[in-house]
């Protein structure tokens, strides 16, 4: 029920009339509705958060696959060329030799380790673009990286100079190379904007609950809702920002 219910209630009780049973019932139902709205809002916030986290996770997986795939192709080509040397002259290798040379076995083990390391690297690199590199957009993050690189380039410490060079290379990566990173940044921004709106809604509902709780208590015991009661209700609701509730703000404002 909207704020106009409160205005009706206030108008009635301030004139000294007896509160009708229908008004009491409506007030009780309103309290129930506010409680349900609170639960629904929190459930929706949780669902939205999970939804966007899943979308960002999908971008991460695609990003890792994009870069890891290129590395795996290079490793596979190198491994094939290594084994092909053991095929009889003039033939094409179609199956593994019955006995692999020791070096070939070592190469396979080394390749598996390299793939795991690369996967870990690209996962961390994706997260760095989202969390460590500052800025709201991909362009902002690139600008921040260049600023950091310029600062580190003037350092006396060679380790810091090398770090600056790495950051500069990151800043110069192409849009195509960072397609999934850019998508994840946009998704996070959308999620943050929606969360702000839902947080404002939750705070508005809290205002209504605190205000209505005082009024409903007076109605339930047939007590006279006088200036003191209204002041108590206003004080309970005023602890939260009322800027999004103009009707209620006018009712609570001094004449």
C-alpha atoms as a PDB file:
ATOM      1  CA  UNK A   1       0.000   0.000   0.000  1.00  0.00           C
ATOM      2  CA  UNK A   2       1.346   3.433  -0.874  1.00  0.00           C
ATOM      3  CA  UNK A   3       2.279   6.390   1.285  1.00  0.00           C
ATOM      4  CA  UNK A   4      -1.176   7.847   0.607  1.00  0.00           C
ATOM      5  CA  UNK A   5      -2.582   5.281   3.095  1.00  0.00           C
ATOM      6  CA  UNK A   6      -0.514   6.899   5.807  1.00  0.00           C
ATOM      7  CA  UNK A   7      -1.770  10.331   4.789  1.00  0.00           C
ATOM      8  CA  UNK A   8      -5.374   9.085   5.065  1.00  0.00           C
ATOM      9  CA  UNK A   9      -4.687   7.500   8.443  1.00  0.00           C
ATOM     10  CA  UNK A  10      -3.040  10.617   9.769  1.00  0.00           C
ATOM     11  CA  UNK A  11      -5.844  12.824   8.566  1.00  0.00           C
ATOM     12  CA  UNK A  12      -8.407  10.618  10.290  1.00  0.00           C
ATOM     13  CA  UNK A  13      -6.703  10.203  13.629  1.00  0.00           C
ATOM     14  CA  UNK A  14      -5.586  13.804  13.947  1.00  0.00           C
ATOM     15  CA  UNK A  15      -9.216  14.934  13.693  1.00  0.00           C
ATOM     16  CA  UNK A  16     -10.076  12.748  16.698  1.00  0.00           C
ATOM     17  CA  UNK A  17     -12.264  10.166  14.907  1.00  0.00           C
ATOM     18  CA  UNK A  18     -12.388   6.545  16.060  1.00  0.00           C
ATOM     19  CA  UNK A  19     -10.267   4.333  13.833  1.00  0.00           C
ATOM     20  CA  UNK A  20     -12.553   2.031  11.814  1.00  0.00           C
ATOM     21  CA  UNK A  21     -11.846  -1.711  11.888  1.00  0.00           C
ATOM     22  CA  UNK A  22     -11.248  -1.645   8.134  1.00  0.00           C
ATOM     23  CA  UNK A  23      -8.429   0.861   8.620  1.00  0.00           C
ATOM     24  CA  UNK A  24      -6.845  -1.317  11.296  1.00  0.00           C
ATOM     25  CA  UNK A  25      -7.040  -4.325   9.021  1.00  0.00           C
ATOM     26  CA  UNK A  26      -5.579  -2.382   6.114  1.00  0.00           C
ATOM     27  CA  UNK A  27      -2.762  -1.139   8.314  1.00  0.00           C
ATOM     28  CA  UNK A  28      -1.918  -4.663   9.457  1.00  0.00           C
ATOM     29  CA  UNK A  29      -1.980  -5.904   5.881  1.00  0.00           C
ATOM     30  CA  UNK A  30       0.269  -3.035   4.881  1.00  0.00           C
ATOM     31  CA  UNK A  31       2.833  -4.123   7.471  1.00  0.00           C
ATOM     32  CA  UNK A  32       2.699  -7.649   6.055  1.00  0.00           C
ATOM     33  CA  UNK A  33       3.134  -6.337   2.524  1.00  0.00           C
ATOM     34  CA  UNK A  34       6.174  -4.320   3.555  1.00  0.00           C
ATOM     35  CA  UNK A  35       7.733  -7.396   5.136  1.00  0.00           C
ATOM     36  CA  UNK A  36       7.114  -9.404   1.965  1.00  0.00           C
ATOM     37  CA  UNK A  37       8.576  -6.589  -0.120  1.00  0.00           C
ATOM     38  CA  UNK A  38      11.713  -6.602   2.023  1.00  0.00           C
ATOM     39  CA  UNK A  39      12.169 -10.334   1.506  1.00  0.00           C
ATOM     40  CA  UNK A  40      11.471 -10.071  -2.213  1.00  0.00           C
ATOM     41  CA  UNK A  41      13.977  -7.244  -2.598  1.00  0.00           C
ATOM     42  CA  UNK A  42      16.740  -9.149  -0.827  1.00  0.00           C
ATOM     43  CA  UNK A  43      16.027 -12.315  -2.824  1.00  0.00           C
ATOM     44  CA  UNK A  44      16.140 -10.344  -6.052  1.00  0.00           C
ATOM     45  CA  UNK A  45      19.429  -8.694  -5.056  1.00  0.00           C
ATOM     46  CA  UNK A  46      20.957 -12.117  -4.400  1.00  0.00           C
ATOM     47  CA  UNK A  47      19.648 -13.470  -7.706  1.00  0.00           C
ATOM     48  CA  UNK A  48      20.997 -10.481  -9.649  1.00  0.00           C
ATOM     49  CA  UNK A  49      24.402 -10.800  -7.984  1.00  0.00           C
ATOM     50  CA  UNK A  50      24.597 -14.513  -8.817  1.00  0.00           C
ATOM     51  CA  UNK A  51      23.439 -13.867 -12.391  1.00  0.00           C
ATOM     52  CA  UNK A  52      26.155 -11.305 -13.097  1.00  0.00           C
ATOM     53  CA  UNK A  53      28.829 -13.371 -11.363  1.00  0.00           C
ATOM     54  CA  UNK A  54      27.975 -16.252 -13.699  1.00  0.00           C
ATOM     55  CA  UNK A  55      28.203 -13.956 -16.727  1.00  0.00           C
ATOM     56  CA  UNK A  56      31.603 -12.640 -15.649  1.00  0.00           C
ATOM     57  CA  UNK A  57      32.784 -16.199 -14.997  1.00  0.00           C
ATOM     58  CA  UNK A  58      31.804 -17.145 -18.558  1.00  0.00           C
ATOM     59  CA  UNK A  59      33.888 -14.239 -19.884  1.00  0.00           C
ATOM     60  CA  UNK A  60      36.836 -15.423 -17.784  1.00  0.00           C
ATOM     61  CA  UNK A  61      36.607 -18.946 -19.161  1.00  0.00           C
ATOM     62  CA  UNK A  62      36.399 -17.665 -22.736  1.00  0.00           C
ATOM     63  CA  UNK A  63      39.383 -15.358 -22.161  1.00  0.00           C
ATOM     64  CA  UNK A  64      41.534 -18.159 -20.767  1.00  0.00           C
ATOM     65  CA  UNK A  65      40.487 -20.495 -23.582  1.00  0.00           C
ATOM     66  CA  UNK A  66      41.325 -17.830 -26.167  1.00  0.00           C
ATOM     67  CA  UNK A  67      44.916 -17.408 -25.005  1.00  0.00           C
ATOM     68  CA  UNK A  68      45.542 -20.907 -23.730  1.00  0.00           C
ATOM     69  CA  UNK A  69      44.291 -22.334 -27.017  1.00  0.00           C
ATOM     70  CA  UNK A  70      46.986 -20.502 -28.962  1.00  0.00           C
ATOM     71  CA  UNK A  71      49.648 -21.821 -26.590  1.00  0.00           C
ATOM     72  CA  UNK A  72      48.354 -25.377 -26.837  1.00  0.00           C
ATOM     73  CA  UNK A  73      48.397 -25.208 -30.635  1.00  0.00           C
ATOM     74  CA  UNK A  74      52.048 -24.124 -30.564  1.00  0.00           C
ATOM     75  CA  UNK A  75      52.965 -26.887 -28.101  1.00  0.00           C
ATOM     76  CA  UNK A  76      51.114 -29.528 -30.136  1.00  0.00           C
ATOM     77  CA  UNK A  77      52.917 -28.467 -33.294  1.00  0.00           C
ATOM     78  CA  UNK A  78      56.270 -28.615 -31.546  1.00  0.00           C
ATOM     79  CA  UNK A  79      55.510 -32.054 -30.093  1.00  0.00           C
ATOM     80  CA  UNK A  80      54.453 -33.418 -33.473  1.00  0.00           C
ATOM     81  CA  UNK A  81      57.624 -32.172 -35.099  1.00  0.00           C
ATOM     82  CA  UNK A  82      59.670 -33.779 -32.324  1.00  0.00           C
ATOM     83  CA  UNK A  83      58.000 -37.169 -32.791  1.00  0.00           C
ATOM     84  CA  UNK A  84      57.971 -36.921 -36.573  1.00  0.00           C
ATOM     85  CA  UNK A  85      61.738 -37.157 -36.534  1.00  0.00           C
ATOM     86  CA  UNK A  86      61.382 -40.744 -35.359  1.00  0.00           C
ATOM     87  CA  UNK A  87      59.179 -41.786 -38.260  1.00  0.00           C
ATOM     88  CA  UNK A  88      60.800 -43.735 -41.098  1.00  0.00           C
ATOM     89  CA  UNK A  89      62.159 -41.536 -43.840  1.00  0.00           C
ATOM     90  CA  UNK A  90      59.563 -40.551 -46.397  1.00  0.00           C
ATOM     91  CA  UNK A  91      56.575 -41.507 -44.208  1.00  0.00           C
ATOM     92  CA  UNK A  92      54.069 -39.519 -42.176  1.00  0.00           C
ATOM     93  CA  UNK A  93      53.713 -40.172 -38.451  1.00  0.00           C
ATOM     94  CA  UNK A  94      50.173 -41.487 -37.832  1.00  0.00           C
ATOM     95  CA  UNK A  95      50.680 -43.122 -34.402  1.00  0.00           C
ATOM     96  CA  UNK A  96      53.031 -42.869 -31.471  1.00  0.00           C
ATOM     97  CA  UNK A  97      56.158 -45.033 -31.643  1.00  0.00           C
ATOM     98  CA  UNK A  98      55.993 -48.125 -29.464  1.00  0.00           C
ATOM     99  CA  UNK A  99      58.902 -46.817 -27.475  1.00  0.00           C
ATOM    100  CA  UNK A 100      59.230 -43.113 -26.949  1.00  0.00           C
ATOM    101  CA  UNK A 101      62.702 -41.624 -26.631  1.00  0.00           C
ATOM    102  CA  UNK A 102      63.429 -40.307 -23.172  1.00  0.00           C
ATOM    103  CA  UNK A 103      63.572 -36.717 -24.390  1.00  0.00           C
ATOM    104  CA  UNK A 104      60.135 -36.988 -26.004  1.00  0.00           C
ATOM    105  CA  UNK A 105      58.660 -38.236 -22.719  1.00  0.00           C
ATOM    106  CA  UNK A 106      60.292 -35.373 -20.866  1.00  0.00           C
ATOM    107  CA  UNK A 107      58.920 -32.933 -23.434  1.00  0.00           C
ATOM    108  CA  UNK A 108      55.369 -34.226 -22.843  1.00  0.00           C
ATOM    109  CA  UNK A 109      55.701 -33.774 -19.080  1.00  0.00           C
ATOM    110  CA  UNK A 110      57.168 -30.308 -19.525  1.00  0.00           C
ATOM    111  CA  UNK A 111      54.359 -29.344 -21.895  1.00  0.00           C
ATOM    112  CA  UNK A 112      51.667 -30.381 -19.402  1.00  0.00           C
ATOM    113  CA  UNK A 113      53.327 -28.266 -16.735  1.00  0.00           C
ATOM    114  CA  UNK A 114      53.549 -25.321 -19.119  1.00  0.00           C
ATOM    115  CA  UNK A 115      49.838 -25.578 -19.956  1.00  0.00           C
ATOM    116  CA  UNK A 116      48.879 -25.529 -16.275  1.00  0.00           C
ATOM    117  CA  UNK A 117      51.134 -22.529 -15.661  1.00  0.00           C
ATOM    118  CA  UNK A 118      49.671 -20.677 -18.634  1.00  0.00           C
ATOM    119  CA  UNK A 119      46.125 -21.387 -17.458  1.00  0.00           C
ATOM    120  CA  UNK A 120      46.949 -19.981 -14.030  1.00  0.00           C
ATOM    121  CA  UNK A 121      48.617 -16.931 -15.608  1.00  0.00           C
ATOM    122  CA  UNK A 122      45.653 -16.006 -17.816  1.00  0.00           C
ATOM    123  CA  UNK A 123      43.200 -16.486 -14.953  1.00  0.00           C
ATOM    124  CA  UNK A 124      45.220 -14.071 -12.834  1.00  0.00           C
ATOM    125  CA  UNK A 125      45.640 -11.673 -15.741  1.00  0.00           C
ATOM    126  CA  UNK A 126      41.875 -11.541 -16.271  1.00  0.00           C
ATOM    127  CA  UNK A 127      41.301 -10.796 -12.595  1.00  0.00           C
ATOM    128  CA  UNK A 128      44.011  -8.137 -12.628  1.00  0.00           C
ATOM    129  CA  UNK A 129      42.190  -6.261 -15.376  1.00  0.00           C
ATOM    130  CA  UNK A 130      39.001  -6.370 -13.321  1.00  0.00           C
ATOM    131  CA  UNK A 131      40.364  -5.649  -9.831  1.00  0.00           C
ATOM    132  CA  UNK A 132      43.934  -4.354  -9.861  1.00  0.00           C
ATOM    133  CA  UNK A 133      44.016  -2.025 -12.855  1.00  0.00           C
ATOM    134  CA  UNK A 134      42.119   1.112 -11.858  1.00  0.00           C
ATOM    135  CA  UNK A 135      39.266   2.593 -13.860  1.00  0.00           C
ATOM    136  CA  UNK A 136      35.610   2.062 -14.716  1.00  0.00           C
ATOM    137  CA  UNK A 137      36.132   1.297 -18.413  1.00  0.00           C
ATOM    138  CA  UNK A 138      38.740  -0.461 -20.516  1.00  0.00           C
ATOM    139  CA  UNK A 139      39.994   2.943 -21.718  1.00  0.00           C
ATOM    140  CA  UNK A 140      40.282   4.179 -18.131  1.00  0.00           C
ATOM    141  CA  UNK A 141      42.301   1.119 -17.170  1.00  0.00           C
ATOM    142  CA  UNK A 142      44.632   1.539 -20.136  1.00  0.00           C
ATOM    143  CA  UNK A 143      45.218   5.169 -19.183  1.00  0.00           C
ATOM    144  CA  UNK A 144      45.992   4.125 -15.597  1.00  0.00           C
ATOM    145  CA  UNK A 145      48.449   1.475 -16.811  1.00  0.00           C
ATOM    146  CA  UNK A 146      50.264   4.024 -18.974  1.00  0.00           C
ATOM    147  CA  UNK A 147      50.516   6.446 -16.064  1.00  0.00           C
ATOM    148  CA  UNK A 148      51.982   3.728 -13.858  1.00  0.00           C
ATOM    149  CA  UNK A 149      54.381   2.665 -16.610  1.00  0.00           C
ATOM    150  CA  UNK A 150      55.589   6.248 -17.118  1.00  0.00           C
ATOM    151  CA  UNK A 151      56.218   6.640 -13.392  1.00  0.00           C
ATOM    152  CA  UNK A 152      58.076   3.335 -13.083  1.00  0.00           C
ATOM    153  CA  UNK A 153      60.187   4.090 -16.154  1.00  0.00           C
ATOM    154  CA  UNK A 154      61.905   6.861 -14.180  1.00  0.00           C
ATOM    155  CA  UNK A 155      62.719   4.596 -11.223  1.00  0.00           C
ATOM    156  CA  UNK A 156      66.302   3.717 -10.298  1.00  0.00           C
ATOM    157  CA  UNK A 157      65.356   0.149  -9.382  1.00  0.00           C
ATOM    158  CA  UNK A 158      65.611  -2.137 -12.422  1.00  0.00           C
ATOM    159  CA  UNK A 159      62.896  -4.411 -11.073  1.00  0.00           C
ATOM    160  CA  UNK A 160      60.497  -1.461 -11.031  1.00  0.00           C
ATOM    161  CA  UNK A 161      61.587  -0.461 -14.517  1.00  0.00           C
ATOM    162  CA  UNK A 162      60.808  -3.979 -15.781  1.00  0.00           C
ATOM    163  CA  UNK A 163      57.431  -3.864 -14.023  1.00  0.00           C
ATOM    164  CA  UNK A 164      56.712  -0.604 -15.812  1.00  0.00           C
ATOM    165  CA  UNK A 165      57.589  -2.208 -19.137  1.00  0.00           C
ATOM    166  CA  UNK A 166      55.178  -5.055 -18.422  1.00  0.00           C
ATOM    167  CA  UNK A 167      52.411  -2.589 -17.582  1.00  0.00           C
ATOM    168  CA  UNK A 168      53.110  -0.681 -20.788  1.00  0.00           C
ATOM    169  CA  UNK A 169      52.734  -3.884 -22.806  1.00  0.00           C
ATOM    170  CA  UNK A 170      49.445  -4.574 -21.054  1.00  0.00           C
ATOM    171  CA  UNK A 171      48.193  -1.087 -21.922  1.00  0.00           C
ATOM    172  CA  UNK A 172      49.088  -1.592 -25.602  1.00  0.00           C
ATOM    173  CA  UNK A 173      47.163  -4.833 -26.053  1.00  0.00           C
ATOM    174  CA  UNK A 174      44.513  -4.710 -28.784  1.00  0.00           C
ATOM    175  CA  UNK A 175      40.744  -4.513 -28.310  1.00  0.00           C
ATOM    176  CA  UNK A 176      40.420  -7.937 -29.922  1.00  0.00           C
ATOM    177  CA  UNK A 177      42.897  -9.377 -27.448  1.00  0.00           C
ATOM    178  CA  UNK A 178      40.821  -7.943 -24.581  1.00  0.00           C
ATOM    179  CA  UNK A 179      37.321  -8.607 -25.947  1.00  0.00           C
ATOM    180  CA  UNK A 180      36.248 -10.766 -23.009  1.00  0.00           C
ATOM    181  CA  UNK A 181      37.881  -8.484 -20.458  1.00  0.00           C
ATOM    182  CA  UNK A 182      35.963  -5.514 -21.883  1.00  0.00           C
ATOM    183  CA  UNK A 183      32.693  -7.477 -21.734  1.00  0.00           C
ATOM    184  CA  UNK A 184      33.340  -8.435 -18.095  1.00  0.00           C
ATOM    185  CA  UNK A 185      34.100  -4.806 -17.163  1.00  0.00           C
ATOM    186  CA  UNK A 186      30.803  -3.685 -18.724  1.00  0.00           C
ATOM    187  CA  UNK A 187      28.906  -6.457 -16.929  1.00  0.00           C
ATOM    188  CA  UNK A 188      30.384  -5.454 -13.596  1.00  0.00           C
ATOM    189  CA  UNK A 189      29.414  -1.851 -14.170  1.00  0.00           C
ATOM    190  CA  UNK A 190      25.845  -2.877 -15.016  1.00  0.00           C
ATOM    191  CA  UNK A 191      25.694  -5.033 -11.884  1.00  0.00           C
ATOM    192  CA  UNK A 192      26.960  -2.166  -9.714  1.00  0.00           C
ATOM    193  CA  UNK A 193      24.392   0.267 -11.126  1.00  0.00           C
ATOM    194  CA  UNK A 194      21.544  -2.180 -10.568  1.00  0.00           C
ATOM    195  CA  UNK A 195      22.760  -2.929  -7.048  1.00  0.00           C
ATOM    196  CA  UNK A 196      22.690   0.797  -6.237  1.00  0.00           C
ATOM    197  CA  UNK A 197      19.067   0.998  -7.334  1.00  0.00           C
ATOM    198  CA  UNK A 198      18.095  -2.081  -5.337  1.00  0.00           C
ATOM    199  CA  UNK A 199      19.928  -0.762  -2.291  1.00  0.00           C
ATOM    200  CA  UNK A 200      17.975   2.493  -2.539  1.00  0.00           C
ATOM    201  CA  UNK A 201      14.733   0.512  -2.787  1.00  0.00           C
ATOM    202  CA  UNK A 202      15.686  -1.539   0.293  1.00  0.00           C
ATOM    203  CA  UNK A 203      16.392   1.633   2.275  1.00  0.00           C
ATOM    204  CA  UNK A 204      13.079   3.141   1.186  1.00  0.00           C
ATOM    205  CA  UNK A 205      11.227   0.056   2.382  1.00  0.00           C
ATOM    206  CA  UNK A 206      13.074   0.298   5.708  1.00  0.00           C
ATOM    207  CA  UNK A 207      11.857   3.893   6.078  1.00  0.00           C
ATOM    208  CA  UNK A 208       8.276   2.828   5.445  1.00  0.00           C
ATOM    209  CA  UNK A 209       8.531  -0.089   7.879  1.00  0.00           C
ATOM    210  CA  UNK A 210       9.910   2.001  10.728  1.00  0.00           C
ATOM    211  CA  UNK A 211       7.347   4.753  10.236  1.00  0.00           C
ATOM    212  CA  UNK A 212       4.419   2.388   9.837  1.00  0.00           C
ATOM    213  CA  UNK A 213       5.392   0.253  12.848  1.00  0.00           C
ATOM    214  CA  UNK A 214       4.748   3.167  15.212  1.00  0.00           C
ATOM    215  CA  UNK A 215       1.420   4.099  13.602  1.00  0.00           C
ATOM    216  CA  UNK A 216       0.248   0.493  13.521  1.00  0.00           C
ATOM    217  CA  UNK A 217       1.059   0.054  17.205  1.00  0.00           C
ATOM    218  CA  UNK A 218      -1.161   3.002  18.130  1.00  0.00           C
ATOM    219  CA  UNK A 219      -3.959   1.750  15.889  1.00  0.00           C
ATOM    220  CA  UNK A 220      -3.835  -1.737  17.384  1.00  0.00           C
ATOM    221  CA  UNK A 221      -4.571  -0.451  20.915  1.00  0.00           C
ATOM    222  CA  UNK A 222      -7.016   2.322  19.903  1.00  0.00           C
ATOM    223  CA  UNK A 223      -4.648   4.901  21.348  1.00  0.00           C
ATOM    224  CA  UNK A 224      -4.979   8.477  20.273  1.00  0.00           C
ATOM    225  CA  UNK A 225      -2.466   9.279  17.571  1.00  0.00           C
ATOM    226  CA  UNK A 226      -1.472  12.774  18.574  1.00  0.00           C
ATOM    227  CA  UNK A 227       1.507  14.968  17.773  1.00  0.00           C
ATOM    228  CA  UNK A 228       3.717  12.861  20.038  1.00  0.00           C
ATOM    229  CA  UNK A 229       2.838   9.671  18.174  1.00  0.00           C
ATOM    230  CA  UNK A 230       3.476  11.282  14.806  1.00  0.00           C
ATOM    231  CA  UNK A 231       6.795  12.609  16.084  1.00  0.00           C
ATOM    232  CA  UNK A 232       7.789   9.123  17.177  1.00  0.00           C
ATOM    233  CA  UNK A 233       6.864   7.695  13.800  1.00  0.00           C
ATOM    234  CA  UNK A 234       8.697  10.469  11.991  1.00  0.00           C
ATOM    235  CA  UNK A 235      11.795   9.974  14.130  1.00  0.00           C
ATOM    236  CA  UNK A 236      11.752   6.249  13.396  1.00  0.00           C
ATOM    237  CA  UNK A 237      11.531   6.821   9.651  1.00  0.00           C
ATOM    238  CA  UNK A 238      13.808   9.840   9.446  1.00  0.00           C
ATOM    239  CA  UNK A 239      16.866   7.776  10.327  1.00  0.00           C
ATOM    240  CA  UNK A 240      16.889   6.717   6.677  1.00  0.00           C
ATOM    241  CA  UNK A 241      17.065   9.053   3.661  1.00  0.00           C
ATOM    242  CA  UNK A 242      13.589  10.237   2.629  1.00  0.00           C
ATOM    243  CA  UNK A 243      14.582  11.976  -0.596  1.00  0.00           C
ATOM    244  CA  UNK A 244      12.994   9.234  -2.693  1.00  0.00           C
ATOM    245  CA  UNK A 245       9.661   9.591  -0.854  1.00  0.00           C
ATOM    246  CA  UNK A 246       8.418  13.138  -1.626  1.00  0.00           C
ATOM    247  CA  UNK A 247       4.835  12.553  -0.417  1.00  0.00           C
ATOM    248  CA  UNK A 248       5.986  11.296   2.953  1.00  0.00           C
ATOM    249  CA  UNK A 249       8.553  14.082   3.201  1.00  0.00           C
ATOM    250  CA  UNK A 250       5.817  16.699   2.812  1.00  0.00           C
ATOM    251  CA  UNK A 251       3.695  15.051   5.528  1.00  0.00           C
ATOM    252  CA  UNK A 252       6.582  14.966   7.994  1.00  0.00           C
ATOM    253  CA  UNK A 253       7.896  18.447   7.237  1.00  0.00           C
ATOM    254  CA  UNK A 254       6.990  21.327   9.601  1.00  0.00           C
ATOM    255  CA  UNK A 255       4.261  23.568   8.259  1.00  0.00           C
END
